[in-house]
Amino acid sequence: MQTISLYNTQAKEVGKVDIDEKFFDGKVNEPLLRQVLKMYAANRRQGTASTKTRKDVRGGGRKPWKQKGTGRARAGTIRSPLWRGGGVTFGPHPRDFSYTLPQKIKRKAIVSALNIKFKDNQFVVIDKIELKEAKTKEWAEILAAFKINKGCLVLLNEPNLNVQRAGRNIPNLFIKPFDSVNAVEIYEHRKLIVEKEALEKLVLRFK
């Protein structure tokens, strides 16, 4: 078994944590992870882009000039896609881009994302996160102790209103229970902080 440092909220080492080498083996399934990231990106798309075809554009009910004798090209409406102010040919219309992948693939992607953070030393295990008050200052001090000034994801063992409320005003700090995390959230945040109990349950769940 491999061990890594266990810290408290003041960034002081208070012990060691056993790491399952079969789970944190450093292997990253990049094609599978890319597939899952692409799915979540597609599911975020609003799909509200819309254009008007010639039937949707106002006007154009009358033939602009007679068919023959004017020397101009034949035209039946001023709202033809060839004309300025006319309808759009093959333009986008509202659609749903979302789709899903098998649960097994999503779970393997989470394991790959966790291994990326572990390999890059962007993985911090904290004994327990407890705050005296639900104030932003409390979280700011924790992040300063660990010298974290960029995107950070915090995985709690269980929902904690004080801890989650205190971090709401800090940019790029995302706090949530471990059992609702997905691969994109782990991958997109630069640093990952996990409570010790949350890590143990996370390994049991996804092993």
C-alpha atoms as a PDB file:
ATOM      1  CA  MET A   1       0.000   0.000   0.000  1.00  0.00           C
ATOM      2  CA  GLN A   2       1.170   3.488  -0.856  1.00  0.00           C
ATOM      3  CA  THR A   3       0.739   6.339   1.618  1.00  0.00           C
ATOM      4  CA  ILE A   4       0.273  10.072   1.166  1.00  0.00           C
ATOM      5  CA  SER A   5       0.226  12.938   3.660  1.00  0.00           C
ATOM      6  CA  LEU A   6      -2.908  13.800   5.632  1.00  0.00           C
ATOM      7  CA  TYR A   7      -3.357  17.490   6.480  1.00  0.00           C
ATOM      8  CA  ASN A   8      -5.538  19.608   8.701  1.00  0.00           C
ATOM      9  CA  THR A   9      -7.166  22.881   7.596  1.00  0.00           C
ATOM     10  CA  GLN A  10      -3.999  24.814   8.571  1.00  0.00           C
ATOM     11  CA  ALA A  11      -2.008  22.807   5.983  1.00  0.00           C
ATOM     12  CA  LYS A  12      -0.070  20.996   8.712  1.00  0.00           C
ATOM     13  CA  GLU A  13       0.634  17.296   8.249  1.00  0.00           C
ATOM     14  CA  VAL A  14      -1.187  15.275  10.896  1.00  0.00           C
ATOM     15  CA  GLY A  15      -0.632  11.741   9.621  1.00  0.00           C
ATOM     16  CA  LYS A  16      -0.629   9.442   6.642  1.00  0.00           C
ATOM     17  CA  VAL A  17      -3.368   7.954   4.483  1.00  0.00           C
ATOM     18  CA  ASP A  18      -3.162   4.561   2.797  1.00  0.00           C
ATOM     19  CA  ILE A  19      -3.822   4.748  -0.936  1.00  0.00           C
ATOM     20  CA  ASP A  20      -5.119   1.761  -2.863  1.00  0.00           C
ATOM     21  CA  GLU A  21      -2.520   1.205  -5.591  1.00  0.00           C
ATOM     22  CA  LYS A  22      -5.016  -0.702  -7.730  1.00  0.00           C
ATOM     23  CA  PHE A  23      -7.282   2.351  -7.770  1.00  0.00           C
ATOM     24  CA  PHE A  24      -4.613   5.060  -7.980  1.00  0.00           C
ATOM     25  CA  ASP A  25      -2.428   3.206 -10.470  1.00  0.00           C
ATOM     26  CA  GLY A  26      -1.614   6.288 -12.561  1.00  0.00           C
ATOM     27  CA  LYS A  27      -3.413   4.914 -15.622  1.00  0.00           C
ATOM     28  CA  VAL A  28      -5.525   7.386 -17.586  1.00  0.00           C
ATOM     29  CA  ASN A  29      -7.889   6.224 -20.302  1.00  0.00           C
ATOM     30  CA  GLU A  30      -7.662   9.380 -22.428  1.00  0.00           C
ATOM     31  CA  PRO A  31     -10.030   8.334 -25.270  1.00  0.00           C
ATOM     32  CA  LEU A  32     -12.721   7.368 -22.759  1.00  0.00           C
ATOM     33  CA  LEU A  33     -12.217  10.535 -20.692  1.00  0.00           C
ATOM     34  CA  ARG A  34     -12.380  12.675 -23.839  1.00  0.00           C
ATOM     35  CA  GLN A  35     -15.606  10.946 -24.811  1.00  0.00           C
ATOM     36  CA  VAL A  36     -17.196  11.761 -21.448  1.00  0.00           C
ATOM     37  CA  LEU A  37     -15.947  15.382 -21.455  1.00  0.00           C
ATOM     38  CA  LYS A  38     -17.452  15.793 -24.927  1.00  0.00           C
ATOM     39  CA  MET A  39     -20.789  14.436 -23.675  1.00  0.00           C
ATOM     40  CA  TYR A  40     -20.941  16.881 -20.753  1.00  0.00           C
ATOM     41  CA  ALA A  41     -19.997  19.776 -23.061  1.00  0.00           C
ATOM     42  CA  ALA A  42     -22.813  18.805 -25.427  1.00  0.00           C
ATOM     43  CA  ASN A  43     -25.273  18.580 -22.525  1.00  0.00           C
ATOM     44  CA  ARG A  44     -24.377  22.134 -21.494  1.00  0.00           C
ATOM     45  CA  ARG A  45     -25.298  23.539 -24.895  1.00  0.00           C
ATOM     46  CA  GLN A  46     -28.524  25.535 -24.886  1.00  0.00           C
ATOM     47  CA  GLY A  47     -29.295  24.805 -28.521  1.00  0.00           C
ATOM     48  CA  THR A  48     -31.274  28.055 -28.894  1.00  0.00           C
ATOM     49  CA  ALA A  49     -29.650  29.339 -32.126  1.00  0.00           C
ATOM     50  CA  SER A  50     -32.412  30.088 -34.608  1.00  0.00           C
ATOM     51  CA  THR A  51     -32.823  31.590 -38.080  1.00  0.00           C
ATOM     52  CA  LYS A  52     -35.858  32.371 -40.244  1.00  0.00           C
ATOM     53  CA  THR A  53     -36.521  30.529 -43.456  1.00  0.00           C
ATOM     54  CA  ARG A  54     -38.313  32.239 -46.347  1.00  0.00           C
ATOM     55  CA  LYS A  55     -41.700  31.185 -44.933  1.00  0.00           C
ATOM     56  CA  ASP A  56     -40.925  32.914 -41.592  1.00  0.00           C
ATOM     57  CA  VAL A  57     -39.745  36.282 -42.999  1.00  0.00           C
ATOM     58  CA  ARG A  58     -42.304  39.044 -43.042  1.00  0.00           C
ATOM     59  CA  GLY A  59     -43.415  40.334 -46.456  1.00  0.00           C
ATOM     60  CA  GLY A  60     -42.707  39.072 -49.947  1.00  0.00           C
ATOM     61  CA  GLY A  61     -46.267  38.026 -50.762  1.00  0.00           C
ATOM     62  CA  ARG A  62     -46.401  39.930 -54.058  1.00  0.00           C
ATOM     63  CA  LYS A  63     -44.356  39.190 -57.160  1.00  0.00           C
ATOM     64  CA  PRO A  64     -41.908  42.138 -57.431  1.00  0.00           C
ATOM     65  CA  TRP A  65     -42.242  42.510 -61.236  1.00  0.00           C
ATOM     66  CA  LYS A  66     -43.777  40.682 -64.112  1.00  0.00           C
ATOM     67  CA  GLN A  67     -42.197  37.480 -65.368  1.00  0.00           C
ATOM     68  CA  LYS A  68     -41.111  38.714 -68.794  1.00  0.00           C
ATOM     69  CA  GLY A  69     -40.223  41.893 -70.606  1.00  0.00           C
ATOM     70  CA  THR A  70     -38.322  43.837 -67.936  1.00  0.00           C
ATOM     71  CA  GLY A  71     -34.829  42.554 -68.737  1.00  0.00           C
ATOM     72  CA  ARG A  72     -34.378  41.469 -65.157  1.00  0.00           C
ATOM     73  CA  ALA A  73     -34.103  37.962 -63.777  1.00  0.00           C
ATOM     74  CA  ARG A  74     -37.255  36.115 -62.884  1.00  0.00           C
ATOM     75  CA  ALA A  75     -38.308  36.665 -59.262  1.00  0.00           C
ATOM     76  CA  GLY A  76     -41.355  35.504 -57.356  1.00  0.00           C
ATOM     77  CA  THR A  77     -40.693  37.106 -53.957  1.00  0.00           C
ATOM     78  CA  ILE A  78     -38.402  39.688 -52.372  1.00  0.00           C
ATOM     79  CA  ARG A  79     -37.855  37.287 -49.446  1.00  0.00           C
ATOM     80  CA  SER A  80     -35.900  34.711 -51.465  1.00  0.00           C
ATOM     81  CA  PRO A  81     -32.713  33.488 -49.759  1.00  0.00           C
ATOM     82  CA  LEU A  82     -30.800  35.109 -52.662  1.00  0.00           C
ATOM     83  CA  TRP A  83     -32.021  38.564 -51.671  1.00  0.00           C
ATOM     84  CA  ARG A  84     -30.904  40.848 -48.861  1.00  0.00           C
ATOM     85  CA  GLY A  85     -33.495  40.585 -46.098  1.00  0.00           C
ATOM     86  CA  GLY A  86     -34.641  37.230 -47.357  1.00  0.00           C
ATOM     87  CA  GLY A  87     -34.883  33.934 -45.535  1.00  0.00           C
ATOM     88  CA  VAL A  88     -31.865  31.827 -44.568  1.00  0.00           C
ATOM     89  CA  THR A  89     -31.136  28.523 -46.266  1.00  0.00           C
ATOM     90  CA  PHE A  90     -30.062  25.632 -44.033  1.00  0.00           C
ATOM     91  CA  GLY A  91     -29.627  27.915 -41.012  1.00  0.00           C
ATOM     92  CA  PRO A  92     -29.619  26.654 -37.397  1.00  0.00           C
ATOM     93  CA  HIS A  93     -32.858  25.960 -35.545  1.00  0.00           C
ATOM     94  CA  PRO A  94     -33.479  25.176 -31.856  1.00  0.00           C
ATOM     95  CA  ARG A  95     -32.421  21.629 -31.048  1.00  0.00           C
ATOM     96  CA  ASP A  96     -31.383  19.424 -28.166  1.00  0.00           C
ATOM     97  CA  PHE A  97     -27.707  18.450 -28.286  1.00  0.00           C
ATOM     98  CA  SER A  98     -27.768  16.341 -25.118  1.00  0.00           C
ATOM     99  CA  TYR A  99     -27.109  12.636 -25.006  1.00  0.00           C
ATOM    100  CA  THR A 100     -25.920  10.133 -22.432  1.00  0.00           C
ATOM    101  CA  LEU A 101     -23.335   7.392 -22.086  1.00  0.00           C
ATOM    102  CA  PRO A 102     -23.437   4.138 -20.096  1.00  0.00           C
ATOM    103  CA  GLN A 103     -22.930   4.552 -16.360  1.00  0.00           C
ATOM    104  CA  LYS A 104     -19.899   2.250 -16.469  1.00  0.00           C
ATOM    105  CA  ILE A 105     -18.100   4.625 -18.868  1.00  0.00           C
ATOM    106  CA  LYS A 106     -18.867   7.644 -16.660  1.00  0.00           C
ATOM    107  CA  ARG A 107     -17.483   5.852 -13.608  1.00  0.00           C
ATOM    108  CA  LYS A 108     -14.275   4.877 -15.403  1.00  0.00           C
ATOM    109  CA  ALA A 109     -13.876   8.500 -16.514  1.00  0.00           C
ATOM    110  CA  ILE A 110     -14.066   9.643 -12.879  1.00  0.00           C
ATOM    111  CA  VAL A 111     -11.282   7.194 -11.970  1.00  0.00           C
ATOM    112  CA  SER A 112      -9.144   8.508 -14.860  1.00  0.00           C
ATOM    113  CA  ALA A 113      -9.748  12.125 -13.797  1.00  0.00           C
ATOM    114  CA  LEU A 114      -8.764  11.302 -10.205  1.00  0.00           C
ATOM    115  CA  ASN A 115      -5.576   9.624 -11.436  1.00  0.00           C
ATOM    116  CA  ILE A 116      -4.660  12.749 -13.415  1.00  0.00           C
ATOM    117  CA  LYS A 117      -4.853  14.852 -10.245  1.00  0.00           C
ATOM    118  CA  PHE A 118      -2.918  12.226  -8.285  1.00  0.00           C
ATOM    119  CA  LYS A 119      -0.138  12.023 -10.904  1.00  0.00           C
ATOM    120  CA  ASP A 120       0.144  15.834 -11.107  1.00  0.00           C
ATOM    121  CA  ASN A 121       0.361  16.237  -7.293  1.00  0.00           C
ATOM    122  CA  GLN A 122      -2.803  18.324  -7.337  1.00  0.00           C
ATOM    123  CA  PHE A 123      -4.479  16.050  -4.815  1.00  0.00           C
ATOM    124  CA  VAL A 124      -4.818  17.066  -1.138  1.00  0.00           C
ATOM    125  CA  VAL A 125      -6.402  14.938   1.599  1.00  0.00           C
ATOM    126  CA  ILE A 126      -7.734  16.794   4.664  1.00  0.00           C
ATOM    127  CA  ASP A 127      -8.693  15.056   7.908  1.00  0.00           C
ATOM    128  CA  LYS A 128     -11.966  16.971   8.281  1.00  0.00           C
ATOM    129  CA  ILE A 129     -13.189  20.403   7.207  1.00  0.00           C
ATOM    130  CA  GLU A 130     -14.911  22.222  10.047  1.00  0.00           C
ATOM    131  CA  LEU A 131     -15.565  25.964  10.216  1.00  0.00           C
ATOM    132  CA  LYS A 132     -16.438  28.017  13.278  1.00  0.00           C
ATOM    133  CA  GLU A 133     -18.713  30.272  11.241  1.00  0.00           C
ATOM    134  CA  ALA A 134     -20.113  30.274   7.720  1.00  0.00           C
ATOM    135  CA  LYS A 135     -17.846  33.138   6.652  1.00  0.00           C
ATOM    136  CA  THR A 136     -15.793  33.625   3.508  1.00  0.00           C
ATOM    137  CA  LYS A 137     -12.759  34.546   5.617  1.00  0.00           C
ATOM    138  CA  GLU A 138     -12.624  31.006   7.001  1.00  0.00           C
ATOM    139  CA  TRP A 139     -12.251  29.473   3.539  1.00  0.00           C
ATOM    140  CA  ALA A 140      -9.862  32.196   2.397  1.00  0.00           C
ATOM    141  CA  GLU A 141      -7.514  31.266   5.256  1.00  0.00           C
ATOM    142  CA  ILE A 142      -7.632  27.550   4.345  1.00  0.00           C
ATOM    143  CA  LEU A 143      -6.825  28.252   0.688  1.00  0.00           C
ATOM    144  CA  ALA A 144      -4.039  30.646   1.671  1.00  0.00           C
ATOM    145  CA  ALA A 145      -2.515  27.983   3.947  1.00  0.00           C
ATOM    146  CA  PHE A 146      -2.358  25.545   1.022  1.00  0.00           C
ATOM    147  CA  LYS A 147      -1.239  28.321  -1.372  1.00  0.00           C
ATOM    148  CA  ILE A 148      -4.207  27.727  -3.668  1.00  0.00           C
ATOM    149  CA  ASN A 149      -5.144  30.739  -5.772  1.00  0.00           C
ATOM    150  CA  LYS A 150      -6.741  29.065  -8.795  1.00  0.00           C
ATOM    151  CA  GLY A 151      -9.647  26.708  -9.445  1.00  0.00           C
ATOM    152  CA  CYS A 152     -10.256  24.280  -6.592  1.00  0.00           C
ATOM    153  CA  LEU A 153     -12.781  21.468  -6.119  1.00  0.00           C
ATOM    154  CA  VAL A 154     -13.578  20.339  -2.581  1.00  0.00           C
ATOM    155  CA  LEU A 155     -15.237  16.971  -1.973  1.00  0.00           C
ATOM    156  CA  LEU A 156     -16.994  16.598   1.375  1.00  0.00           C
ATOM    157  CA  ASN A 157     -17.882  13.378   3.123  1.00  0.00           C
ATOM    158  CA  GLU A 158     -21.440  14.666   3.536  1.00  0.00           C
ATOM    159  CA  PRO A 159     -23.310  17.944   2.861  1.00  0.00           C
ATOM    160  CA  ASN A 160     -22.269  20.695   5.269  1.00  0.00           C
ATOM    161  CA  LEU A 161     -24.252  23.918   5.008  1.00  0.00           C
ATOM    162  CA  ASN A 162     -21.702  26.052   6.888  1.00  0.00           C
ATOM    163  CA  VAL A 163     -18.765  24.854   4.787  1.00  0.00           C
ATOM    164  CA  GLN A 164     -20.629  25.205   1.483  1.00  0.00           C
ATOM    165  CA  ARG A 165     -22.114  28.599   2.333  1.00  0.00           C
ATOM    166  CA  ALA A 166     -18.744  30.014   3.450  1.00  0.00           C
ATOM    167  CA  GLY A 167     -17.151  29.273   0.071  1.00  0.00           C
ATOM    168  CA  ARG A 168     -19.866  30.704  -2.166  1.00  0.00           C
ATOM    169  CA  ASN A 169     -18.235  34.114  -2.570  1.00  0.00           C
ATOM    170  CA  ILE A 170     -14.789  32.804  -3.504  1.00  0.00           C
ATOM    171  CA  PRO A 171     -14.263  32.677  -7.291  1.00  0.00           C
ATOM    172  CA  ASN A 172     -13.436  29.265  -8.764  1.00  0.00           C
ATOM    173  CA  LEU A 173     -14.035  27.429  -5.460  1.00  0.00           C
ATOM    174  CA  PHE A 174     -16.524  24.608  -5.915  1.00  0.00           C
ATOM    175  CA  ILE A 175     -17.689  22.596  -2.875  1.00  0.00           C
ATOM    176  CA  LYS A 176     -19.902  19.530  -3.022  1.00  0.00           C
ATOM    177  CA  PRO A 177     -20.455  16.047  -1.507  1.00  0.00           C
ATOM    178  CA  PHE A 178     -18.261  13.318  -2.996  1.00  0.00           C
ATOM    179  CA  ASP A 179     -21.214  11.195  -4.170  1.00  0.00           C
ATOM    180  CA  SER A 180     -22.457  13.791  -6.667  1.00  0.00           C
ATOM    181  CA  VAL A 181     -19.184  14.578  -8.431  1.00  0.00           C
ATOM    182  CA  ASN A 182     -18.557  13.894 -12.107  1.00  0.00           C
ATOM    183  CA  ALA A 183     -15.433  13.561 -14.275  1.00  0.00           C
ATOM    184  CA  VAL A 184     -15.682  17.062 -15.766  1.00  0.00           C
ATOM    185  CA  GLU A 185     -15.713  18.773 -12.365  1.00  0.00           C
ATOM    186  CA  ILE A 186     -12.605  16.864 -11.282  1.00  0.00           C
ATOM    187  CA  TYR A 187     -10.803  17.428 -14.581  1.00  0.00           C
ATOM    188  CA  GLU A 188     -11.599  21.150 -14.959  1.00  0.00           C
ATOM    189  CA  HIS A 189     -10.447  22.263 -11.504  1.00  0.00           C
ATOM    190  CA  ARG A 190      -6.734  22.692 -11.012  1.00  0.00           C
ATOM    191  CA  LYS A 191      -6.640  21.460  -7.398  1.00  0.00           C
ATOM    192  CA  LEU A 192      -8.624  18.747  -5.656  1.00  0.00           C
ATOM    193  CA  ILE A 193      -9.208  18.732  -1.883  1.00  0.00           C
ATOM    194  CA  VAL A 194     -10.870  15.644  -0.416  1.00  0.00           C
ATOM    195  CA  GLU A 195     -11.906  14.823   3.136  1.00  0.00           C
ATOM    196  CA  LYS A 196     -10.352  11.571   4.391  1.00  0.00           C
ATOM    197  CA  GLU A 197     -13.688   9.768   4.850  1.00  0.00           C
ATOM    198  CA  ALA A 198     -14.884  11.020   1.458  1.00  0.00           C
ATOM    199  CA  LEU A 199     -11.770   9.564  -0.190  1.00  0.00           C
ATOM    200  CA  GLU A 200     -12.304   6.168   1.434  1.00  0.00           C
ATOM    201  CA  LYS A 201     -15.932   6.037   0.304  1.00  0.00           C
ATOM    202  CA  LEU A 202     -14.997   7.332  -3.139  1.00  0.00           C
ATOM    203  CA  VAL A 203     -12.549   4.465  -3.650  1.00  0.00           C
ATOM    204  CA  LEU A 204     -15.098   1.895  -2.417  1.00  0.00           C
ATOM    205  CA  ARG A 205     -17.739   3.297  -4.720  1.00  0.00           C
ATOM    206  CA  PHE A 206     -15.723   3.460  -7.923  1.00  0.00           C
ATOM    207  CA  LYS A 207     -13.225   0.637  -7.413  1.00  0.00           C
END
